């Protein structure tokens, strides 16, 4: 909140309550309360609509998180080339350029035969 606006509001409220400026000790209460509140962390915006990635597209945080697949061998995925990595988005695996986020290959999840 802008300090001048907070001061104006605090003084206006105090005047309406019959409190004079000489009765303030330190900062007006509204300013102290505003300064005591921790700053809110910026939360990245996520699109609520499901997205279907396509090869040649870049990963975008707006479509939700992807998780890196480190056990690609166990999931029957080929070895990623240098500077590339496998990521999972829903039930889809994507081979992504680790530098640019460009999607090179997309495959459906290959579930283990004994999965329940």
N, C-alpha and C. Protein backbone atom coordinates (compact mmCIF):
# COMPACT_ATOMS: atom_id res chain seq x y z
N UNK A 1 0.86 -1.17 0.00
CA UNK A 1 0.00 0.00 0.00
C UNK A 1 0.90 1.23 0.00
N UNK A 2 0.52 2.19 -0.72
CA UNK A 2 1.27 3.44 -0.80
C UNK A 2 1.28 4.09 0.58
N UNK A 3 2.44 4.53 1.04
CA UNK A 3 2.58 5.11 2.37
C UNK A 3 1.73 6.35 2.54
N UNK A 4 1.62 7.17 1.51
CA UNK A 4 0.81 8.39 1.61
C UNK A 4 -0.66 8.06 1.74
N UNK A 5 -1.12 7.07 0.99
CA UNK A 5 -2.52 6.66 1.09
C UNK A 5 -2.80 6.07 2.46
N UNK A 6 -1.86 5.24 2.97
CA UNK A 6 -2.05 4.63 4.28
C UNK A 6 -2.11 5.71 5.36
N UNK A 7 -1.24 6.69 5.25
CA UNK A 7 -1.24 7.78 6.23
C UNK A 7 -2.55 8.56 6.16
N UNK A 8 -2.98 8.89 4.94
CA UNK A 8 -4.23 9.62 4.76
C UNK A 8 -5.39 8.83 5.36
N UNK A 9 -5.45 7.52 5.08
CA UNK A 9 -6.54 6.69 5.61
C UNK A 9 -6.50 6.64 7.13
N UNK A 10 -5.31 6.45 7.69
CA UNK A 10 -5.18 6.36 9.15
C UNK A 10 -5.60 7.67 9.81
N UNK A 11 -5.16 8.78 9.24
CA UNK A 11 -5.50 10.09 9.81
C UNK A 11 -7.00 10.34 9.66
N UNK A 12 -7.57 9.96 8.52
CA UNK A 12 -9.01 10.15 8.31
C UNK A 12 -9.83 9.33 9.29
N UNK A 13 -9.41 8.08 9.50
CA UNK A 13 -10.13 7.21 10.45
C UNK A 13 -9.99 7.76 11.86
N UNK A 14 -8.76 8.18 12.19
CA UNK A 14 -8.53 8.73 13.53
C UNK A 14 -9.36 9.99 13.74
N UNK A 15 -9.44 10.85 12.74
CA UNK A 15 -10.22 12.08 12.86
C UNK A 15 -11.69 11.75 13.05
N UNK A 16 -12.19 10.75 12.33
CA UNK A 16 -13.59 10.35 12.48
C UNK A 16 -13.85 9.80 13.88
N UNK A 17 -12.82 9.17 14.47
CA UNK A 17 -12.98 8.60 15.82
C UNK A 17 -12.69 9.64 16.90
N UNK A 18 -12.30 10.84 16.49
CA UNK A 18 -12.04 11.90 17.46
C UNK A 18 -10.63 11.88 18.02
N UNK A 19 -9.71 11.19 17.36
CA UNK A 19 -8.32 11.13 17.81
C UNK A 19 -7.54 12.21 17.07
N UNK A 20 -6.76 12.98 17.78
CA UNK A 20 -5.97 14.04 17.16
C UNK A 20 -4.59 13.51 16.79
N UNK A 21 -3.92 14.22 15.90
CA UNK A 21 -2.59 13.81 15.45
C UNK A 21 -1.59 13.77 16.59
N UNK A 22 -1.77 14.60 17.61
CA UNK A 22 -0.84 14.61 18.74
C UNK A 22 -0.97 13.35 19.60
N UNK A 23 -2.06 12.60 19.44
CA UNK A 23 -2.24 11.38 20.23
C UNK A 23 -1.54 10.17 19.59
N UNK A 24 -1.09 10.30 18.34
CA UNK A 24 -0.36 9.21 17.70
C UNK A 24 1.02 9.11 18.32
N UNK A 25 1.47 7.92 18.59
CA UNK A 25 2.84 7.69 19.03
C UNK A 25 3.51 6.88 17.95
N UNK A 26 4.52 7.39 17.31
CA UNK A 26 5.18 6.69 16.21
C UNK A 26 4.32 6.76 14.97
N UNK A 27 4.28 5.68 14.24
CA UNK A 27 3.50 5.62 13.02
C UNK A 27 2.04 5.38 13.36
N UNK A 28 1.13 5.88 12.55
CA UNK A 28 -0.27 5.57 12.75
C UNK A 28 -0.48 4.06 12.71
N UNK A 29 -1.46 3.53 13.44
CA UNK A 29 -1.68 2.08 13.52
C UNK A 29 -1.85 1.41 12.16
N UNK A 30 -2.50 2.06 11.23
CA UNK A 30 -2.73 1.45 9.92
C UNK A 30 -1.40 1.22 9.20
N UNK A 31 -0.44 2.11 9.36
CA UNK A 31 0.86 1.96 8.72
C UNK A 31 1.63 0.83 9.37
N UNK A 32 1.60 0.75 10.71
CA UNK A 32 2.30 -0.33 11.40
C UNK A 32 1.75 -1.68 11.00
N UNK A 33 0.43 -1.80 10.87
CA UNK A 33 -0.18 -3.06 10.48
C UNK A 33 0.22 -3.43 9.05
N UNK A 34 0.24 -2.45 8.16
CA UNK A 34 0.61 -2.71 6.77
C UNK A 34 2.06 -3.14 6.66
N UNK A 35 2.94 -2.54 7.46
CA UNK A 35 4.35 -2.90 7.41
C UNK A 35 4.62 -4.23 8.07
N UNK A 36 3.77 -4.66 9.02
CA UNK A 36 3.97 -5.91 9.73
C UNK A 36 3.58 -7.11 8.87
N UNK A 37 2.71 -6.93 7.88
CA UNK A 37 2.28 -8.03 7.03
C UNK A 37 3.42 -8.42 6.09
N UNK A 38 3.71 -9.74 6.01
CA UNK A 38 4.76 -10.15 5.08
C UNK A 38 4.28 -9.97 3.64
N UNK A 39 5.21 -9.68 2.77
CA UNK A 39 4.87 -9.51 1.36
C UNK A 39 4.41 -10.84 0.78
N UNK A 40 3.35 -10.83 0.02
CA UNK A 40 2.83 -12.04 -0.59
C UNK A 40 3.79 -12.52 -1.67
N UNK A 41 4.00 -13.84 -1.72
CA UNK A 41 4.87 -14.41 -2.75
C UNK A 41 4.10 -14.47 -4.06
N UNK A 42 4.79 -14.17 -5.12
CA UNK A 42 4.16 -14.24 -6.43
C UNK A 42 3.97 -15.70 -6.81
N UNK A 43 2.75 -16.07 -7.13
CA UNK A 43 2.43 -17.43 -7.53
C UNK A 43 2.28 -17.44 -9.05
N UNK A 44 3.04 -18.33 -9.72
CA UNK A 44 2.91 -18.35 -11.17
C UNK A 44 1.50 -18.74 -11.58
N UNK A 45 1.02 -18.09 -12.63
CA UNK A 45 -0.32 -18.37 -13.11
C UNK A 45 -0.34 -19.70 -13.83
N UNK A 46 -1.35 -20.53 -13.55
CA UNK A 46 -1.50 -21.82 -14.22
C UNK A 46 -2.83 -21.82 -14.95
N UNK A 47 -2.79 -22.18 -16.22
CA UNK A 47 -3.99 -22.25 -17.03
C UNK A 47 -4.87 -23.39 -16.53
N UNK A 48 -6.14 -23.14 -16.21
CA UNK A 48 -7.01 -24.21 -15.71
C UNK A 48 -7.44 -25.20 -16.79
N UNK A 49 -7.24 -24.87 -18.05
CA UNK A 49 -7.62 -25.74 -19.15
C UNK A 49 -6.49 -26.71 -19.44
N UNK A 50 -6.83 -27.99 -19.59
CA UNK A 50 -5.81 -29.00 -19.92
C UNK A 50 -5.17 -28.66 -21.26
N UNK A 51 -3.90 -28.99 -21.39
CA UNK A 51 -3.17 -28.67 -22.61
C UNK A 51 -2.61 -29.95 -23.22
N UNK A 52 -2.63 -30.05 -24.52
CA UNK A 52 -2.02 -31.17 -25.22
C UNK A 52 -0.78 -30.62 -25.93
N UNK A 53 0.37 -31.01 -25.40
CA UNK A 53 1.63 -30.57 -26.01
C UNK A 53 1.82 -31.26 -27.35
N UNK A 54 2.54 -30.60 -28.25
CA UNK A 54 2.88 -31.14 -29.56
C UNK A 54 4.40 -31.00 -29.78
N UNK A 55 4.94 -31.90 -30.57
CA UNK A 55 6.37 -31.81 -30.90
C UNK A 55 6.64 -30.46 -31.56
N UNK A 56 7.77 -29.85 -31.20
CA UNK A 56 8.13 -28.55 -31.74
C UNK A 56 7.68 -27.40 -30.86
N UNK A 57 6.85 -27.69 -29.87
CA UNK A 57 6.38 -26.67 -28.93
C UNK A 57 7.37 -26.59 -27.76
N UNK A 58 7.32 -25.52 -27.01
CA UNK A 58 8.16 -25.37 -25.82
C UNK A 58 7.34 -25.63 -24.57
N UNK A 59 7.98 -26.18 -23.54
CA UNK A 59 7.31 -26.35 -22.26
C UNK A 59 6.94 -24.98 -21.71
N UNK A 60 5.77 -24.88 -21.12
CA UNK A 60 5.31 -23.60 -20.57
C UNK A 60 4.78 -23.82 -19.15
N UNK A 61 5.28 -23.07 -18.17
CA UNK A 61 4.81 -23.22 -16.80
C UNK A 61 3.31 -22.95 -16.64
N UNK A 62 2.73 -22.20 -17.57
CA UNK A 62 1.30 -21.88 -17.47
C UNK A 62 0.42 -23.12 -17.61
N UNK A 63 0.95 -24.20 -18.18
CA UNK A 63 0.15 -25.41 -18.36
C UNK A 63 0.34 -26.40 -17.21
N UNK A 64 1.09 -26.05 -16.21
CA UNK A 64 1.29 -26.93 -15.06
C UNK A 64 2.69 -27.49 -15.02
N UNK A 65 2.97 -28.15 -13.92
CA UNK A 65 4.30 -28.69 -13.68
C UNK A 65 4.55 -29.96 -14.48
N UNK A 66 5.79 -30.16 -14.83
CA UNK A 66 6.26 -31.42 -15.39
C UNK A 66 7.27 -31.97 -14.40
N UNK A 67 7.41 -33.28 -14.37
CA UNK A 67 8.41 -33.87 -13.48
C UNK A 67 9.47 -34.57 -14.32
N UNK A 68 10.72 -34.40 -13.92
CA UNK A 68 11.81 -35.01 -14.66
C UNK A 68 11.82 -36.50 -14.41
N UNK A 69 12.03 -37.26 -15.46
CA UNK A 69 12.08 -38.72 -15.38
C UNK A 69 13.55 -39.12 -15.34
N UNK A 70 13.99 -39.58 -14.17
CA UNK A 70 15.39 -39.99 -14.04
C UNK A 70 15.57 -41.49 -14.27
N UNK A 71 14.47 -42.25 -14.14
CA UNK A 71 14.55 -43.70 -14.35
C UNK A 71 13.97 -44.08 -15.71
N UNK A 72 14.36 -43.35 -16.74
CA UNK A 72 13.84 -43.54 -18.09
C UNK A 72 14.06 -44.95 -18.60
N UNK A 73 15.14 -45.59 -18.18
CA UNK A 73 15.45 -46.94 -18.62
C UNK A 73 14.39 -47.92 -18.11
N UNK A 74 14.00 -47.78 -16.86
CA UNK A 74 12.98 -48.65 -16.25
C UNK A 74 11.62 -48.44 -16.90
N UNK A 75 11.40 -47.29 -17.46
CA UNK A 75 10.11 -46.98 -18.09
C UNK A 75 10.13 -47.24 -19.60
N UNK A 76 11.13 -47.99 -20.03
CA UNK A 76 11.26 -48.39 -21.44
C UNK A 76 11.39 -47.19 -22.39
N UNK A 77 12.04 -46.14 -21.91
CA UNK A 77 12.29 -44.96 -22.75
C UNK A 77 13.74 -45.02 -23.21
N UNK A 78 14.02 -44.60 -24.43
CA UNK A 78 15.41 -44.63 -24.91
C UNK A 78 16.29 -43.62 -24.16
N UNK A 79 17.57 -43.87 -24.21
CA UNK A 79 18.53 -42.97 -23.57
C UNK A 79 18.42 -41.58 -24.20
N UNK A 80 18.26 -40.54 -23.36
CA UNK A 80 18.17 -39.20 -23.94
C UNK A 80 19.53 -38.75 -24.49
N UNK A 81 19.53 -38.05 -25.62
CA UNK A 81 20.80 -37.53 -26.14
C UNK A 81 21.40 -36.50 -25.18
N UNK A 82 22.64 -36.15 -25.42
CA UNK A 82 23.29 -35.12 -24.59
C UNK A 82 22.46 -33.85 -24.61
N UNK A 83 22.40 -33.17 -23.48
CA UNK A 83 21.66 -31.91 -23.32
C UNK A 83 20.14 -32.07 -23.44
N UNK A 84 19.63 -33.30 -23.35
CA UNK A 84 18.19 -33.55 -23.40
C UNK A 84 17.78 -34.29 -22.14
N UNK A 85 16.49 -34.28 -21.84
CA UNK A 85 15.97 -35.00 -20.67
C UNK A 85 14.54 -35.43 -20.94
N UNK A 86 14.14 -36.50 -20.26
CA UNK A 86 12.76 -36.94 -20.32
C UNK A 86 11.98 -36.28 -19.20
N UNK A 87 10.77 -35.80 -19.50
CA UNK A 87 9.88 -35.24 -18.49
C UNK A 87 8.52 -35.92 -18.63
N UNK A 88 7.77 -35.93 -17.54
CA UNK A 88 6.43 -36.50 -17.57
C UNK A 88 5.41 -35.40 -17.31
N UNK A 89 4.37 -35.39 -18.12
CA UNK A 89 3.27 -34.44 -17.99
C UNK A 89 2.01 -35.27 -18.09
N UNK A 90 1.35 -35.48 -16.96
CA UNK A 90 0.19 -36.37 -16.94
C UNK A 90 0.64 -37.78 -17.27
N UNK A 91 0.03 -38.38 -18.29
CA UNK A 91 0.40 -39.73 -18.70
C UNK A 91 1.26 -39.72 -19.96
N UNK A 92 1.93 -38.61 -20.19
CA UNK A 92 2.74 -38.44 -21.39
C UNK A 92 4.19 -38.18 -21.01
N UNK A 93 5.10 -38.85 -21.74
CA UNK A 93 6.53 -38.59 -21.59
C UNK A 93 6.97 -37.74 -22.77
N UNK A 94 7.81 -36.76 -22.49
CA UNK A 94 8.31 -35.89 -23.55
C UNK A 94 9.83 -35.79 -23.44
N UNK A 95 10.49 -35.95 -24.58
CA UNK A 95 11.94 -35.73 -24.66
C UNK A 95 12.12 -34.25 -24.97
N UNK A 96 12.81 -33.56 -24.07
CA UNK A 96 12.90 -32.10 -24.14
C UNK A 96 14.35 -31.67 -24.18
N UNK A 97 14.63 -30.66 -24.99
CA UNK A 97 15.96 -30.06 -25.01
C UNK A 97 16.15 -29.38 -23.66
N UNK A 98 17.16 -29.79 -22.93
CA UNK A 98 17.38 -29.28 -21.57
C UNK A 98 17.73 -27.81 -21.51
N UNK A 99 18.16 -27.22 -22.61
CA UNK A 99 18.53 -25.81 -22.63
C UNK A 99 17.36 -24.91 -23.01
N UNK A 100 16.62 -25.30 -24.05
CA UNK A 100 15.57 -24.42 -24.57
C UNK A 100 14.16 -24.82 -24.16
N UNK A 101 13.97 -26.08 -23.71
CA UNK A 101 12.62 -26.54 -23.37
C UNK A 101 11.83 -26.97 -24.59
N UNK A 102 12.48 -27.09 -25.75
CA UNK A 102 11.81 -27.50 -26.98
C UNK A 102 11.50 -29.00 -26.91
N UNK A 103 10.26 -29.36 -27.21
CA UNK A 103 9.82 -30.75 -27.17
C UNK A 103 10.23 -31.43 -28.48
N UNK A 104 11.05 -32.49 -28.35
CA UNK A 104 11.56 -33.21 -29.52
C UNK A 104 10.70 -34.44 -29.84
N UNK A 105 10.29 -35.17 -28.80
CA UNK A 105 9.53 -36.41 -28.99
C UNK A 105 8.49 -36.53 -27.89
N UNK A 106 7.33 -37.08 -28.24
CA UNK A 106 6.27 -37.32 -27.26
C UNK A 106 5.83 -38.77 -27.37
N UNK A 107 5.74 -39.45 -26.22
CA UNK A 107 5.23 -40.83 -26.19
C UNK A 107 4.25 -40.97 -25.03
N UNK A 108 3.29 -41.87 -25.20
CA UNK A 108 2.36 -42.16 -24.11
C UNK A 108 3.09 -42.97 -23.04
N UNK A 109 2.60 -42.89 -21.83
CA UNK A 109 3.23 -43.59 -20.73
C UNK A 109 3.21 -45.10 -20.98
N UNK A 110 4.31 -45.76 -20.67
CA UNK A 110 4.40 -47.21 -20.78
C UNK A 110 4.39 -47.77 -19.36
N UNK A 111 3.23 -48.20 -18.91
CA UNK A 111 3.09 -48.66 -17.52
C UNK A 111 3.71 -50.05 -17.36
N UNK A 112 4.21 -50.31 -16.16
CA UNK A 112 4.79 -51.61 -15.85
C UNK A 112 3.67 -52.66 -15.91
N UNK A 113 3.98 -53.88 -16.33
CA UNK A 113 2.95 -54.92 -16.45
C UNK A 113 2.28 -55.27 -15.12
N UNK A 114 3.00 -55.17 -14.00
CA UNK A 114 2.41 -55.54 -12.70
C UNK A 114 1.81 -54.36 -11.96
N UNK A 115 1.60 -53.25 -12.65
CA UNK A 115 1.02 -52.07 -12.00
C UNK A 115 -0.46 -52.28 -11.71
N UNK A 116 -0.87 -51.89 -10.54
CA UNK A 116 -2.28 -52.04 -10.13
C UNK A 116 -3.05 -50.81 -10.48
